[in-house]
Amino acid sequence: MRDIDSTDIVMLGNALTEYAGDWNVLLSWHHVRNRGIAGDDAEGMYRRIRPILNGRPKAIFLMAGGQDIIEGRTVEQAFNASVALIALIRHSSPHTKLFVESNLPIWENNQELLKGKMQMMAQLNVRLRHYCEKHHIAYINLFRSFVRRGTNEMRRELTQDGFLLTPFGYKLWAFEIKKYLFSF
């Protein structure tokens, strides 16, 4: 895996980001680097971001906090860890365009790990959106495109297991963020 440089767009997140595979193909773009790691939470991203920031990437699309919720942290803890990561990115690489993506909804189904987390994910997204608005950071609300109308539950055709995405889910995600690639 080559080092990040100033021509790169970095997709930073957990399993959802990693399992997308080649974001260049998904987005029909060049120089998109996948830096998602399955199981990574906001603190883990914070610990591993220095080499990414040292390359001064053109842009970072960040999805953080959802794994924290799934691992049992409170909305407040997930929010604080995500804000620390956002602040580090802005401070360490101020010319990098930062896009904070909402966390995707989940479908609780019968998985014990996901039970009771659906509303927490929505609450986290509201907090992140308000933070981004207050600090003039681009916020991409993916959540609304992924939920069943009138609920906070992920549309079933978009998920394999309540959390991970289907190929159609990845196409929708790419469709939603493509328009932001032309803004820098």
N, C-alpha and C. Protein backbone atom coordinates (compact mmCIF):
# COMPACT_ATOMS: atom_id res chain seq x y z
N MET A 1 0.86 -1.17 0.00
CA MET A 1 0.00 0.00 0.00
C MET A 1 0.91 1.24 0.00
N ARG A 2 0.71 2.08 -1.00
CA ARG A 2 1.56 3.26 -1.10
C ARG A 2 1.12 4.36 -0.13
N ASP A 3 2.05 5.24 0.17
CA ASP A 3 1.76 6.35 1.08
C ASP A 3 0.76 7.31 0.45
N ILE A 4 0.04 8.01 1.29
CA ILE A 4 -0.91 9.04 0.86
C ILE A 4 -0.13 10.27 0.42
N ASP A 5 -0.60 10.93 -0.65
CA ASP A 5 0.01 12.20 -1.04
C ASP A 5 -1.09 13.23 -1.33
N SER A 6 -0.70 14.41 -1.76
CA SER A 6 -1.64 15.52 -1.91
C SER A 6 -2.61 15.37 -3.09
N THR A 7 -2.43 14.34 -3.89
CA THR A 7 -3.39 14.10 -4.99
C THR A 7 -4.50 13.15 -4.56
N ASP A 8 -4.40 12.60 -3.37
CA ASP A 8 -5.30 11.53 -2.94
C ASP A 8 -6.56 12.03 -2.23
N ILE A 9 -7.60 11.25 -2.41
CA ILE A 9 -8.84 11.37 -1.65
C ILE A 9 -8.89 10.12 -0.77
N VAL A 10 -9.07 10.30 0.52
CA VAL A 10 -9.02 9.18 1.46
C VAL A 10 -10.41 8.88 1.99
N MET A 11 -10.80 7.63 1.89
CA MET A 11 -12.03 7.13 2.50
C MET A 11 -11.61 6.51 3.82
N LEU A 12 -12.02 7.12 4.93
CA LEU A 12 -11.58 6.69 6.26
C LEU A 12 -12.77 6.21 7.07
N GLY A 13 -12.67 5.00 7.59
CA GLY A 13 -13.77 4.46 8.38
C GLY A 13 -13.49 3.05 8.86
N ASN A 14 -14.58 2.31 9.10
CA ASN A 14 -14.48 0.95 9.63
C ASN A 14 -14.75 -0.08 8.53
N ALA A 15 -15.39 -1.19 8.89
CA ALA A 15 -15.66 -2.27 7.94
C ALA A 15 -16.49 -1.80 6.75
N LEU A 16 -17.44 -0.92 6.99
CA LEU A 16 -18.28 -0.44 5.89
C LEU A 16 -17.41 0.18 4.80
N THR A 17 -16.43 0.95 5.19
CA THR A 17 -15.52 1.59 4.23
C THR A 17 -14.59 0.55 3.63
N GLU A 18 -13.99 -0.29 4.46
CA GLU A 18 -13.03 -1.28 3.97
C GLU A 18 -13.66 -2.23 2.96
N TYR A 19 -14.84 -2.75 3.28
CA TYR A 19 -15.45 -3.77 2.43
C TYR A 19 -15.99 -3.23 1.12
N ALA A 20 -15.94 -1.93 0.93
CA ALA A 20 -16.31 -1.35 -0.37
C ALA A 20 -15.30 -1.77 -1.42
N GLY A 21 -14.09 -2.09 -0.98
CA GLY A 21 -13.06 -2.48 -1.94
C GLY A 21 -12.43 -1.28 -2.60
N ASP A 22 -12.42 -1.27 -3.91
CA ASP A 22 -11.77 -0.22 -4.68
C ASP A 22 -12.73 0.95 -4.90
N TRP A 23 -12.56 2.00 -4.12
CA TRP A 23 -13.41 3.18 -4.22
C TRP A 23 -13.22 3.90 -5.55
N ASN A 24 -12.06 3.72 -6.20
CA ASN A 24 -11.85 4.31 -7.53
C ASN A 24 -12.89 3.77 -8.50
N VAL A 25 -13.16 2.50 -8.42
CA VAL A 25 -14.15 1.86 -9.29
C VAL A 25 -15.56 2.31 -8.91
N LEU A 26 -15.86 2.28 -7.61
CA LEU A 26 -17.20 2.68 -7.15
C LEU A 26 -17.54 4.12 -7.54
N LEU A 27 -16.56 5.01 -7.42
CA LEU A 27 -16.80 6.42 -7.65
C LEU A 27 -16.46 6.87 -9.07
N SER A 28 -15.88 5.96 -9.87
CA SER A 28 -15.41 6.32 -11.22
C SER A 28 -14.48 7.54 -11.13
N TRP A 29 -13.51 7.44 -10.24
CA TRP A 29 -12.59 8.54 -9.94
C TRP A 29 -11.19 7.98 -9.83
N HIS A 30 -10.20 8.84 -9.74
CA HIS A 30 -8.80 8.40 -9.58
C HIS A 30 -8.25 8.89 -8.25
N HIS A 31 -7.27 8.20 -7.77
CA HIS A 31 -6.54 8.57 -6.55
C HIS A 31 -7.43 8.53 -5.30
N VAL A 32 -8.34 7.58 -5.24
CA VAL A 32 -9.16 7.39 -4.04
C VAL A 32 -8.54 6.22 -3.28
N ARG A 33 -8.17 6.47 -2.04
CA ARG A 33 -7.49 5.45 -1.22
C ARG A 33 -8.42 4.98 -0.11
N ASN A 34 -8.58 3.68 -0.03
CA ASN A 34 -9.43 3.07 0.99
C ASN A 34 -8.62 2.86 2.26
N ARG A 35 -8.99 3.57 3.30
CA ARG A 35 -8.34 3.42 4.60
C ARG A 35 -9.37 3.05 5.66
N GLY A 36 -10.27 2.17 5.26
CA GLY A 36 -11.21 1.59 6.21
C GLY A 36 -10.61 0.33 6.80
N ILE A 37 -10.87 0.09 8.07
CA ILE A 37 -10.41 -1.12 8.75
C ILE A 37 -11.57 -1.69 9.54
N ALA A 38 -11.89 -2.93 9.26
CA ALA A 38 -13.00 -3.61 9.96
C ALA A 38 -12.76 -3.57 11.46
N GLY A 39 -13.80 -3.19 12.20
CA GLY A 39 -13.72 -3.16 13.65
C GLY A 39 -13.11 -1.90 14.23
N ASP A 40 -12.68 -0.99 13.38
CA ASP A 40 -12.01 0.21 13.88
C ASP A 40 -13.04 1.22 14.39
N ASP A 41 -12.78 1.75 15.56
CA ASP A 41 -13.63 2.78 16.15
C ASP A 41 -12.93 4.13 15.99
N ALA A 42 -13.56 5.20 16.45
CA ALA A 42 -13.01 6.55 16.27
C ALA A 42 -11.65 6.70 16.94
N GLU A 43 -11.48 6.10 18.09
CA GLU A 43 -10.18 6.16 18.78
C GLU A 43 -9.10 5.45 17.97
N GLY A 44 -9.44 4.31 17.38
CA GLY A 44 -8.49 3.59 16.54
C GLY A 44 -8.09 4.40 15.33
N MET A 45 -9.05 5.09 14.73
CA MET A 45 -8.74 5.96 13.59
C MET A 45 -7.84 7.11 14.03
N TYR A 46 -8.11 7.63 15.20
CA TYR A 46 -7.29 8.72 15.76
C TYR A 46 -5.83 8.26 15.89
N ARG A 47 -5.64 7.04 16.37
CA ARG A 47 -4.29 6.52 16.59
C ARG A 47 -3.56 6.25 15.28
N ARG A 48 -4.27 5.97 14.21
CA ARG A 48 -3.60 5.60 12.96
C ARG A 48 -3.62 6.68 11.88
N ILE A 49 -4.11 7.85 12.19
CA ILE A 49 -4.29 8.86 11.14
C ILE A 49 -3.04 9.65 10.79
N ARG A 50 -2.05 9.68 11.65
CA ARG A 50 -0.85 10.51 11.39
C ARG A 50 -0.23 10.27 10.01
N PRO A 51 0.03 9.02 9.61
CA PRO A 51 0.63 8.82 8.27
C PRO A 51 -0.27 9.34 7.13
N ILE A 52 -1.56 9.28 7.34
CA ILE A 52 -2.49 9.82 6.33
C ILE A 52 -2.35 11.33 6.27
N LEU A 53 -2.38 11.98 7.42
CA LEU A 53 -2.30 13.44 7.47
C LEU A 53 -0.94 13.96 7.02
N ASN A 54 0.12 13.19 7.25
CA ASN A 54 1.46 13.60 6.82
C ASN A 54 1.53 13.75 5.30
N GLY A 55 0.69 13.03 4.58
CA GLY A 55 0.66 13.13 3.12
C GLY A 55 -0.15 14.31 2.61
N ARG A 56 -0.84 15.02 3.51
CA ARG A 56 -1.67 16.17 3.14
C ARG A 56 -2.64 15.84 2.00
N PRO A 57 -3.53 14.86 2.22
CA PRO A 57 -4.44 14.47 1.13
C PRO A 57 -5.33 15.63 0.70
N LYS A 58 -5.78 15.54 -0.53
CA LYS A 58 -6.67 16.55 -1.08
C LYS A 58 -7.98 16.60 -0.30
N ALA A 59 -8.49 15.41 0.06
CA ALA A 59 -9.76 15.33 0.79
C ALA A 59 -9.82 14.06 1.61
N ILE A 60 -10.61 14.11 2.67
CA ILE A 60 -10.91 12.93 3.49
C ILE A 60 -12.42 12.85 3.63
N PHE A 61 -12.96 11.69 3.33
CA PHE A 61 -14.36 11.37 3.60
C PHE A 61 -14.34 10.48 4.84
N LEU A 62 -14.85 11.01 5.94
CA LEU A 62 -14.75 10.33 7.24
C LEU A 62 -16.11 9.84 7.71
N MET A 63 -16.16 8.57 8.07
CA MET A 63 -17.33 8.02 8.75
C MET A 63 -16.81 7.44 10.07
N ALA A 64 -17.19 8.07 11.18
CA ALA A 64 -16.68 7.66 12.48
C ALA A 64 -17.78 7.70 13.53
N GLY A 65 -17.66 6.82 14.51
CA GLY A 65 -18.58 6.80 15.65
C GLY A 65 -19.54 5.62 15.66
N GLY A 66 -19.87 5.11 14.50
CA GLY A 66 -20.82 4.00 14.43
C GLY A 66 -20.30 2.73 15.09
N GLN A 67 -19.03 2.42 14.86
CA GLN A 67 -18.44 1.24 15.47
C GLN A 67 -18.42 1.38 16.99
N ASP A 68 -18.21 2.61 17.45
CA ASP A 68 -18.22 2.87 18.90
C ASP A 68 -19.58 2.50 19.49
N ILE A 69 -20.66 2.90 18.82
CA ILE A 69 -22.01 2.57 19.27
C ILE A 69 -22.21 1.06 19.29
N ILE A 70 -21.80 0.40 18.22
CA ILE A 70 -21.98 -1.05 18.14
C ILE A 70 -21.19 -1.76 19.24
N GLU A 71 -20.04 -1.22 19.61
CA GLU A 71 -19.22 -1.82 20.67
C GLU A 71 -19.73 -1.52 22.07
N GLY A 72 -20.83 -0.73 22.18
CA GLY A 72 -21.44 -0.52 23.49
C GLY A 72 -21.15 0.81 24.15
N ARG A 73 -20.47 1.72 23.44
CA ARG A 73 -20.23 3.03 24.02
C ARG A 73 -21.50 3.87 23.93
N THR A 74 -21.56 4.89 24.74
CA THR A 74 -22.71 5.78 24.74
C THR A 74 -22.61 6.72 23.53
N VAL A 75 -23.71 7.38 23.23
CA VAL A 75 -23.71 8.39 22.17
C VAL A 75 -22.69 9.47 22.49
N GLU A 76 -22.64 9.89 23.74
CA GLU A 76 -21.70 10.93 24.17
C GLU A 76 -20.25 10.49 23.95
N GLN A 77 -19.93 9.27 24.31
CA GLN A 77 -18.56 8.77 24.12
C GLN A 77 -18.21 8.68 22.64
N ALA A 78 -19.13 8.17 21.83
CA ALA A 78 -18.89 8.06 20.39
C ALA A 78 -18.72 9.45 19.76
N PHE A 79 -19.55 10.38 20.20
CA PHE A 79 -19.48 11.75 19.68
C PHE A 79 -18.15 12.39 20.06
N ASN A 80 -17.75 12.29 21.31
CA ASN A 80 -16.50 12.90 21.76
C ASN A 80 -15.28 12.32 21.04
N ALA A 81 -15.27 11.01 20.84
CA ALA A 81 -14.16 10.39 20.13
C ALA A 81 -14.13 10.84 18.67
N SER A 82 -15.30 10.98 18.06
CA SER A 82 -15.38 11.43 16.66
C SER A 82 -14.93 12.88 16.54
N VAL A 83 -15.34 13.73 17.48
CA VAL A 83 -14.95 15.15 17.45
C VAL A 83 -13.44 15.29 17.65
N ALA A 84 -12.84 14.48 18.50
CA ALA A 84 -11.39 14.54 18.69
C ALA A 84 -10.68 14.21 17.37
N LEU A 85 -11.19 13.24 16.65
CA LEU A 85 -10.62 12.85 15.35
C LEU A 85 -10.79 13.98 14.33
N ILE A 86 -11.97 14.56 14.27
CA ILE A 86 -12.24 15.66 13.34
C ILE A 86 -11.31 16.84 13.64
N ALA A 87 -11.17 17.18 14.92
CA ALA A 87 -10.31 18.30 15.32
C ALA A 87 -8.85 18.04 14.94
N LEU A 88 -8.39 16.81 15.11
CA LEU A 88 -7.02 16.47 14.74
C LEU A 88 -6.81 16.62 13.24
N ILE A 89 -7.76 16.17 12.46
CA ILE A 89 -7.65 16.30 11.00
C ILE A 89 -7.57 17.77 10.60
N ARG A 90 -8.46 18.57 11.13
CA ARG A 90 -8.50 19.99 10.77
C ARG A 90 -7.24 20.72 11.22
N HIS A 91 -6.74 20.38 12.39
CA HIS A 91 -5.55 21.05 12.90
C HIS A 91 -4.29 20.61 12.16
N SER A 92 -4.15 19.33 11.92
CA SER A 92 -2.91 18.78 11.35
C SER A 92 -2.82 18.93 9.84
N SER A 93 -3.94 19.06 9.16
CA SER A 93 -3.93 19.17 7.70
C SER A 93 -5.02 20.16 7.27
N PRO A 94 -4.84 21.43 7.59
CA PRO A 94 -5.90 22.41 7.37
C PRO A 94 -6.31 22.61 5.91
N HIS A 95 -5.46 22.25 4.96
CA HIS A 95 -5.81 22.41 3.55
C HIS A 95 -6.53 21.19 2.97
N THR A 96 -6.62 20.13 3.76
CA THR A 96 -7.38 18.95 3.34
C THR A 96 -8.86 19.24 3.48
N LYS A 97 -9.61 19.01 2.42
CA LYS A 97 -11.06 19.20 2.48
C LYS A 97 -11.64 18.02 3.25
N LEU A 98 -12.34 18.30 4.32
CA LEU A 98 -12.91 17.25 5.16
C LEU A 98 -14.41 17.15 4.93
N PHE A 99 -14.87 15.95 4.66
CA PHE A 99 -16.29 15.65 4.54
C PHE A 99 -16.63 14.63 5.63
N VAL A 100 -17.46 15.02 6.56
CA VAL A 100 -17.91 14.10 7.60
C VAL A 100 -19.20 13.47 7.10
N GLU A 101 -19.18 12.16 6.97
CA GLU A 101 -20.36 11.42 6.52
C GLU A 101 -21.14 10.96 7.74
N SER A 102 -22.46 11.03 7.65
CA SER A 102 -23.27 10.47 8.73
C SER A 102 -22.98 8.97 8.82
N ASN A 103 -23.20 8.42 9.98
CA ASN A 103 -23.14 6.98 10.11
C ASN A 103 -24.39 6.41 9.46
N LEU A 104 -24.25 5.22 8.93
CA LEU A 104 -25.40 4.60 8.28
C LEU A 104 -26.32 3.99 9.33
N PRO A 105 -27.59 3.88 8.99
CA PRO A 105 -28.51 3.23 9.94
C PRO A 105 -28.18 1.74 10.02
N ILE A 106 -28.80 1.10 10.97
CA ILE A 106 -28.69 -0.36 11.09
C ILE A 106 -30.10 -0.94 11.09
N TRP A 107 -30.16 -2.22 10.92
CA TRP A 107 -31.41 -2.96 11.05
C TRP A 107 -31.15 -3.94 12.17
N GLU A 108 -31.83 -3.77 13.28
CA GLU A 108 -31.51 -4.54 14.48
C GLU A 108 -31.74 -6.04 14.32
N ASN A 109 -32.64 -6.44 13.47
CA ASN A 109 -33.02 -7.85 13.26
C ASN A 109 -32.84 -8.68 14.53
N ASN A 110 -32.26 -9.83 14.43
CA ASN A 110 -32.14 -10.69 15.62
C ASN A 110 -30.72 -10.73 16.18
N GLN A 111 -29.88 -9.84 15.73
CA GLN A 111 -28.50 -9.85 16.21
C GLN A 111 -28.39 -9.14 17.55
N GLU A 112 -27.91 -9.84 18.53
CA GLU A 112 -27.76 -9.28 19.88
C GLU A 112 -26.87 -8.04 19.86
N LEU A 113 -25.83 -8.08 19.06
CA LEU A 113 -24.88 -6.97 18.97
C LEU A 113 -25.55 -5.66 18.55
N LEU A 114 -26.61 -5.74 17.75
CA LEU A 114 -27.24 -4.54 17.21
C LEU A 114 -28.47 -4.08 18.00
N LYS A 115 -28.94 -4.89 18.92
CA LYS A 115 -30.16 -4.56 19.67
C LYS A 115 -30.01 -3.24 20.43
N GLY A 116 -31.00 -2.37 20.27
CA GLY A 116 -31.03 -1.10 20.98
C GLY A 116 -30.11 -0.03 20.41
N LYS A 117 -29.48 -0.30 19.29
CA LYS A 117 -28.49 0.64 18.76
C LYS A 117 -29.05 1.55 17.66
N MET A 118 -30.21 1.22 17.13
CA MET A 118 -30.77 1.95 16.00
C MET A 118 -30.98 3.43 16.34
N GLN A 119 -31.64 3.71 17.45
CA GLN A 119 -31.91 5.09 17.84
C GLN A 119 -30.63 5.82 18.23
N MET A 120 -29.70 5.10 18.83
CA MET A 120 -28.43 5.71 19.23
C MET A 120 -27.66 6.21 18.01
N MET A 121 -27.70 5.43 16.92
CA MET A 121 -27.00 5.82 15.70
C MET A 121 -27.60 7.13 15.16
N ALA A 122 -28.92 7.22 15.19
CA ALA A 122 -29.60 8.44 14.73
C ALA A 122 -29.22 9.63 15.62
N GLN A 123 -29.17 9.43 16.93
CA GLN A 123 -28.81 10.50 17.86
C GLN A 123 -27.37 10.97 17.63
N LEU A 124 -26.48 10.04 17.40
CA LEU A 124 -25.09 10.39 17.13
C LEU A 124 -25.00 11.26 15.87
N ASN A 125 -25.73 10.87 14.84
CA ASN A 125 -25.70 11.64 13.60
C ASN A 125 -26.20 13.07 13.79
N VAL A 126 -27.23 13.24 14.59
CA VAL A 126 -27.75 14.59 14.87
C VAL A 126 -26.66 15.42 15.55
N ARG A 127 -25.99 14.84 16.50
CA ARG A 127 -24.92 15.57 17.22
C ARG A 127 -23.77 15.93 16.27
N LEU A 128 -23.39 14.97 15.42
CA LEU A 128 -22.30 15.24 14.47
C LEU A 128 -22.70 16.33 13.46
N ARG A 129 -23.94 16.28 12.99
CA ARG A 129 -24.41 17.29 12.04
C ARG A 129 -24.36 18.68 12.66
N HIS A 130 -24.85 18.80 13.89
CA HIS A 130 -24.82 20.10 14.57
C HIS A 130 -23.39 20.59 14.77
N TYR A 131 -22.51 19.70 15.15
CA TYR A 131 -21.10 20.07 15.34
C TYR A 131 -20.51 20.58 14.02
N CYS A 132 -20.76 19.85 12.95
CA CYS A 132 -20.21 20.24 11.65
C CYS A 132 -20.78 21.58 11.19
N GLU A 133 -22.06 21.78 11.39
CA GLU A 133 -22.66 23.06 11.01
C GLU A 133 -22.03 24.21 11.79
N LYS A 134 -21.86 24.01 13.08
CA LYS A 134 -21.30 25.05 13.95
C LYS A 134 -19.85 25.39 13.56
N HIS A 135 -19.09 24.38 13.10
CA HIS A 135 -17.68 24.57 12.79
C HIS A 135 -17.40 24.65 11.29
N HIS A 136 -18.43 24.81 10.49
CA HIS A 136 -18.30 24.99 9.04
C HIS A 136 -17.53 23.84 8.38
N ILE A 137 -17.96 22.64 8.70
CA ILE A 137 -17.38 21.42 8.13
C ILE A 137 -18.46 20.78 7.26
N ALA A 138 -18.07 20.33 6.09
CA ALA A 138 -19.03 19.68 5.18
C ALA A 138 -19.56 18.40 5.83
N TYR A 139 -20.88 18.29 5.90
CA TYR A 139 -21.53 17.10 6.48
C TYR A 139 -22.40 16.48 5.40
N ILE A 140 -22.23 15.20 5.19
CA ILE A 140 -23.00 14.47 4.18
C ILE A 140 -23.98 13.55 4.89
N ASN A 141 -25.26 13.83 4.74
CA ASN A 141 -26.28 13.02 5.40
C ASN A 141 -26.65 11.82 4.54
N LEU A 142 -25.93 10.73 4.73
CA LEU A 142 -26.23 9.48 4.04
C LEU A 142 -27.41 8.76 4.69
N PHE A 143 -27.57 8.99 5.97
CA PHE A 143 -28.57 8.28 6.78
C PHE A 143 -29.95 8.30 6.12
N ARG A 144 -30.37 9.48 5.66
CA ARG A 144 -31.73 9.62 5.13
C ARG A 144 -31.97 8.80 3.87
N SER A 145 -30.92 8.54 3.09
CA SER A 145 -31.08 7.73 1.88
C SER A 145 -31.11 6.23 2.18
N PHE A 146 -30.63 5.86 3.35
CA PHE A 146 -30.51 4.44 3.69
C PHE A 146 -31.64 3.93 4.59
N VAL A 147 -32.46 4.82 5.13
CA VAL A 147 -33.50 4.37 6.06
C VAL A 147 -34.81 4.07 5.35
N ARG A 148 -35.57 3.17 5.95
CA ARG A 148 -36.95 2.94 5.51
C ARG A 148 -37.75 4.18 5.90
N ARG A 149 -38.57 4.63 4.99
CA ARG A 149 -39.36 5.85 5.22
C ARG A 149 -40.08 5.80 6.55
N GLY A 150 -39.95 6.87 7.31
CA GLY A 150 -40.65 7.00 8.59
C GLY A 150 -40.01 6.25 9.74
N THR A 151 -38.81 5.69 9.52
CA THR A 151 -38.13 4.94 10.59
C THR A 151 -36.67 5.37 10.66
N ASN A 152 -35.95 4.79 11.59
CA ASN A 152 -34.50 4.93 11.65
C ASN A 152 -33.83 3.59 11.32
N GLU A 153 -34.54 2.73 10.65
CA GLU A 153 -34.08 1.37 10.33
C GLU A 153 -33.56 1.30 8.89
N MET A 154 -32.43 0.63 8.71
CA MET A 154 -31.86 0.50 7.38
C MET A 154 -32.79 -0.29 6.45
N ARG A 155 -32.89 0.19 5.23
CA ARG A 155 -33.66 -0.52 4.22
C ARG A 155 -33.05 -1.91 4.04
N ARG A 156 -33.86 -2.93 4.06
CA ARG A 156 -33.37 -4.31 4.07
C ARG A 156 -32.58 -4.68 2.82
N GLU A 157 -32.93 -4.09 1.68
CA GLU A 157 -32.20 -4.44 0.45
C GLU A 157 -30.79 -3.85 0.41
N LEU A 158 -30.47 -3.01 1.38
CA LEU A 158 -29.16 -2.37 1.41
C LEU A 158 -28.18 -3.05 2.36
N THR A 159 -28.67 -4.02 3.13
CA THR A 159 -27.80 -4.64 4.14
C THR A 159 -27.81 -6.16 4.03
N GLN A 160 -26.65 -6.73 4.33
CA GLN A 160 -26.51 -8.19 4.35
C GLN A 160 -27.00 -8.78 5.67
N ASP A 161 -26.68 -8.06 6.76
CA ASP A 161 -26.88 -8.64 8.09
C ASP A 161 -27.41 -7.64 9.12
N GLY A 162 -27.83 -6.47 8.67
CA GLY A 162 -28.28 -5.44 9.58
C GLY A 162 -27.26 -4.31 9.71
N PHE A 163 -26.01 -4.57 9.34
CA PHE A 163 -24.95 -3.57 9.45
C PHE A 163 -24.15 -3.46 8.15
N LEU A 164 -23.59 -4.58 7.68
CA LEU A 164 -22.77 -4.55 6.47
C LEU A 164 -23.66 -4.37 5.24
N LEU A 165 -23.09 -3.76 4.20
CA LEU A 165 -23.87 -3.40 3.03
C LEU A 165 -23.86 -4.46 1.94
N THR A 166 -24.92 -4.44 1.15
CA THR A 166 -24.99 -5.23 -0.08
C THR A 166 -24.31 -4.43 -1.19
N PRO A 167 -24.06 -5.05 -2.34
CA PRO A 167 -23.52 -4.28 -3.47
C PRO A 167 -24.40 -3.06 -3.82
N PHE A 168 -25.71 -3.23 -3.74
CA PHE A 168 -26.61 -2.11 -4.01
C PHE A 168 -26.41 -1.00 -2.99
N GLY A 169 -26.17 -1.36 -1.72
CA GLY A 169 -25.90 -0.36 -0.69
C GLY A 169 -24.66 0.45 -1.01
N TYR A 170 -23.61 -0.22 -1.51
CA TYR A 170 -22.39 0.51 -1.87
C TYR A 170 -22.61 1.42 -3.07
N LYS A 171 -23.42 0.97 -4.01
CA LYS A 171 -23.72 1.83 -5.17
C LYS A 171 -24.46 3.09 -4.74
N LEU A 172 -25.39 2.93 -3.80
CA LEU A 172 -26.13 4.08 -3.29
C LEU A 172 -25.19 5.04 -2.57
N TRP A 173 -24.30 4.51 -1.74
CA TRP A 173 -23.33 5.33 -1.02
C TRP A 173 -22.48 6.12 -2.02
N ALA A 174 -21.95 5.44 -3.03
CA ALA A 174 -21.12 6.11 -4.03
C ALA A 174 -21.92 7.19 -4.76
N PHE A 175 -23.16 6.89 -5.11
CA PHE A 175 -24.01 7.87 -5.78
C PHE A 175 -24.17 9.12 -4.92
N GLU A 176 -24.36 8.93 -3.63
CA GLU A 176 -24.59 10.05 -2.72
C GLU A 176 -23.35 10.94 -2.53
N ILE A 177 -22.16 10.37 -2.61
CA ILE A 177 -20.97 11.20 -2.35
C ILE A 177 -20.28 11.67 -3.62
N LYS A 178 -20.63 11.11 -4.76
CA LYS A 178 -19.99 11.51 -6.03
C LYS A 178 -20.06 13.01 -6.28
N LYS A 179 -21.20 13.60 -6.00
CA LYS A 179 -21.36 15.04 -6.29
C LYS A 179 -20.40 15.91 -5.50
N TYR A 180 -19.91 15.42 -4.37
CA TYR A 180 -18.98 16.19 -3.56
C TYR A 180 -17.56 16.18 -4.14
N LEU A 181 -17.28 15.23 -5.01
CA LEU A 181 -15.95 15.15 -5.62
C LEU A 181 -15.66 16.34 -6.52
N PHE A 182 -16.69 16.98 -7.00
CA PHE A 182 -16.51 18.13 -7.90
C PHE A 182 -16.39 19.45 -7.15
N SER A 183 -16.41 19.39 -5.81
CA SER A 183 -16.42 20.63 -5.03
C SER A 183 -15.03 21.09 -4.61
N PHE A 184 -14.00 20.39 -5.04
CA PHE A 184 -12.64 20.83 -4.67
C PHE A 184 -11.68 20.65 -5.83
